[in-house]
N, C-alpha and C. Protein backbone atom coordinates (compact mmCIF):
# COMPACT_ATOMS: atom_id res chain seq x y z
N UNK A 1 86.84 125.99 181.45
CA UNK A 1 85.81 125.13 180.94
C UNK A 1 85.78 125.30 179.43
N UNK A 2 85.60 124.20 178.74
CA UNK A 2 85.51 124.21 177.28
C UNK A 2 84.15 123.66 176.87
N UNK A 3 83.49 124.36 175.97
CA UNK A 3 82.20 123.91 175.44
C UNK A 3 82.20 124.08 173.92
N UNK A 4 81.34 123.33 173.26
CA UNK A 4 81.21 123.45 171.82
C UNK A 4 79.76 123.43 171.41
N UNK A 5 79.47 124.13 170.33
CA UNK A 5 78.11 124.16 169.79
C UNK A 5 78.19 124.34 168.27
N UNK A 6 77.11 124.06 167.61
CA UNK A 6 77.08 124.17 166.15
C UNK A 6 77.03 125.62 165.69
N UNK A 7 77.58 125.86 164.52
CA UNK A 7 77.54 127.21 163.94
C UNK A 7 76.11 127.70 163.72
N UNK A 8 75.17 126.79 163.63
CA UNK A 8 73.76 127.14 163.39
C UNK A 8 72.98 127.41 164.67
N UNK A 9 73.58 127.15 165.81
CA UNK A 9 72.89 127.31 167.10
C UNK A 9 73.05 128.75 167.60
N UNK A 10 72.35 129.65 166.96
CA UNK A 10 72.51 131.09 167.23
C UNK A 10 72.23 131.43 168.69
N UNK A 11 71.21 130.85 169.28
CA UNK A 11 70.90 131.13 170.68
C UNK A 11 72.04 130.65 171.59
N UNK A 12 72.60 129.49 171.31
CA UNK A 12 73.72 128.98 172.11
C UNK A 12 74.95 129.86 171.96
N UNK A 13 75.24 130.30 170.74
CA UNK A 13 76.40 131.17 170.50
C UNK A 13 76.29 132.44 171.33
N UNK A 14 75.11 133.04 171.34
CA UNK A 14 74.90 134.26 172.13
C UNK A 14 74.97 133.97 173.63
N UNK A 15 74.38 132.87 174.06
CA UNK A 15 74.35 132.48 175.47
C UNK A 15 75.75 132.36 176.04
N UNK A 16 76.61 131.60 175.37
CA UNK A 16 77.96 131.39 175.88
C UNK A 16 78.74 132.71 175.93
N UNK A 17 78.58 133.55 174.93
CA UNK A 17 79.30 134.82 174.93
C UNK A 17 78.80 135.75 176.04
N UNK A 18 77.51 135.73 176.31
CA UNK A 18 76.96 136.55 177.40
C UNK A 18 77.51 136.11 178.75
N UNK A 19 77.86 134.81 178.87
CA UNK A 19 78.42 134.29 180.11
C UNK A 19 79.93 134.49 180.21
N UNK A 20 80.52 135.11 179.20
CA UNK A 20 81.94 135.42 179.25
C UNK A 20 82.85 134.42 178.57
N UNK A 21 82.27 133.43 177.88
CA UNK A 21 83.09 132.49 177.13
C UNK A 21 83.66 133.19 175.90
N UNK A 22 84.86 132.76 175.49
CA UNK A 22 85.50 133.32 174.30
C UNK A 22 85.65 132.23 173.26
N UNK A 23 85.40 132.59 172.00
CA UNK A 23 85.57 131.66 170.90
C UNK A 23 87.05 131.38 170.72
N UNK A 24 87.42 130.09 170.69
CA UNK A 24 88.84 129.74 170.59
C UNK A 24 89.18 128.86 169.39
N UNK A 25 88.18 128.24 168.80
CA UNK A 25 88.46 127.32 167.69
C UNK A 25 87.18 127.04 166.91
N UNK A 26 87.34 126.77 165.64
CA UNK A 26 86.24 126.29 164.81
C UNK A 26 86.68 124.97 164.19
N UNK A 27 85.93 123.91 164.47
CA UNK A 27 86.22 122.60 163.89
C UNK A 27 85.38 122.48 162.62
N UNK A 28 86.01 122.81 161.51
CA UNK A 28 85.29 122.85 160.23
C UNK A 28 84.77 121.48 159.83
N UNK A 29 83.55 121.48 159.30
CA UNK A 29 82.88 120.29 158.77
C UNK A 29 82.64 119.20 159.81
N UNK A 30 82.61 119.55 161.08
CA UNK A 30 82.39 118.59 162.16
C UNK A 30 81.09 117.82 161.97
N UNK A 31 80.02 118.50 161.54
CA UNK A 31 78.71 117.88 161.38
C UNK A 31 78.40 117.47 159.94
N UNK A 32 79.33 117.69 159.03
CA UNK A 32 79.07 117.50 157.59
C UNK A 32 78.68 116.07 157.23
N UNK A 33 79.27 115.08 157.88
CA UNK A 33 79.02 113.68 157.50
C UNK A 33 78.02 112.97 158.40
N UNK A 34 77.22 113.73 159.13
CA UNK A 34 76.15 113.10 159.92
C UNK A 34 75.18 112.42 158.96
N UNK A 35 74.54 111.34 159.37
CA UNK A 35 73.62 110.62 158.47
C UNK A 35 72.53 111.52 157.87
N UNK A 36 72.00 112.43 158.67
CA UNK A 36 71.00 113.38 158.19
C UNK A 36 71.50 114.80 158.47
N UNK A 37 71.39 115.71 157.51
CA UNK A 37 71.80 117.09 157.77
C UNK A 37 70.98 117.70 158.91
N UNK A 38 71.62 118.53 159.69
CA UNK A 38 70.96 119.23 160.80
C UNK A 38 70.78 120.68 160.38
N UNK A 39 69.56 121.19 160.53
CA UNK A 39 69.28 122.59 160.24
C UNK A 39 68.67 123.24 161.47
N UNK A 40 69.16 124.42 161.81
CA UNK A 40 68.60 125.24 162.88
C UNK A 40 68.55 126.67 162.37
N UNK A 41 67.45 127.33 162.62
CA UNK A 41 67.31 128.73 162.21
C UNK A 41 67.55 128.91 160.71
N UNK A 42 67.24 127.89 159.93
CA UNK A 42 67.43 127.95 158.49
C UNK A 42 68.88 127.83 158.05
N UNK A 43 69.77 127.46 158.98
CA UNK A 43 71.20 127.34 158.70
C UNK A 43 71.61 125.88 158.90
N UNK A 44 72.37 125.36 157.97
CA UNK A 44 72.87 123.98 158.13
C UNK A 44 74.03 123.96 159.13
N UNK A 45 73.95 123.04 160.07
CA UNK A 45 75.03 122.83 161.02
C UNK A 45 76.16 122.11 160.31
N UNK A 46 77.28 122.78 160.16
CA UNK A 46 78.46 122.18 159.54
C UNK A 46 79.66 122.20 160.47
N UNK A 47 79.87 123.33 161.15
CA UNK A 47 81.06 123.51 161.97
C UNK A 47 80.74 123.49 163.46
N UNK A 48 81.69 123.02 164.24
CA UNK A 48 81.61 123.07 165.70
C UNK A 48 82.40 124.30 166.15
N UNK A 49 81.73 125.18 166.89
CA UNK A 49 82.37 126.37 167.42
C UNK A 49 82.72 126.09 168.88
N UNK A 50 84.00 126.21 169.19
CA UNK A 50 84.50 125.91 170.54
C UNK A 50 84.69 127.21 171.32
N UNK A 51 84.23 127.18 172.58
CA UNK A 51 84.36 128.31 173.48
C UNK A 51 85.14 127.87 174.73
N UNK A 52 85.78 128.84 175.36
CA UNK A 52 86.56 128.55 176.56
C UNK A 52 86.38 129.68 177.58
N UNK A 53 86.37 129.29 178.86
CA UNK A 53 86.29 130.27 179.94
C UNK A 53 87.02 129.72 181.14
N UNK A 54 87.86 130.56 181.76
CA UNK A 54 88.52 130.18 183.00
C UNK A 54 87.51 130.34 184.13
N UNK A 55 87.41 129.35 184.97
CA UNK A 55 86.48 129.42 186.10
C UNK A 55 87.22 129.74 187.39
């Protein structure tokens, strides 16, 4: 299974790792050109962090 979340989504990053997903790719600037900047936890969402887990 492959999932992705923003670099600013700290809770999601921890959640996926606790479930055994491994970070496999970072899609740099994925969110950079959104019409409005996205901020979570005081961090701007810029990159998409991809996780993978064999089921």
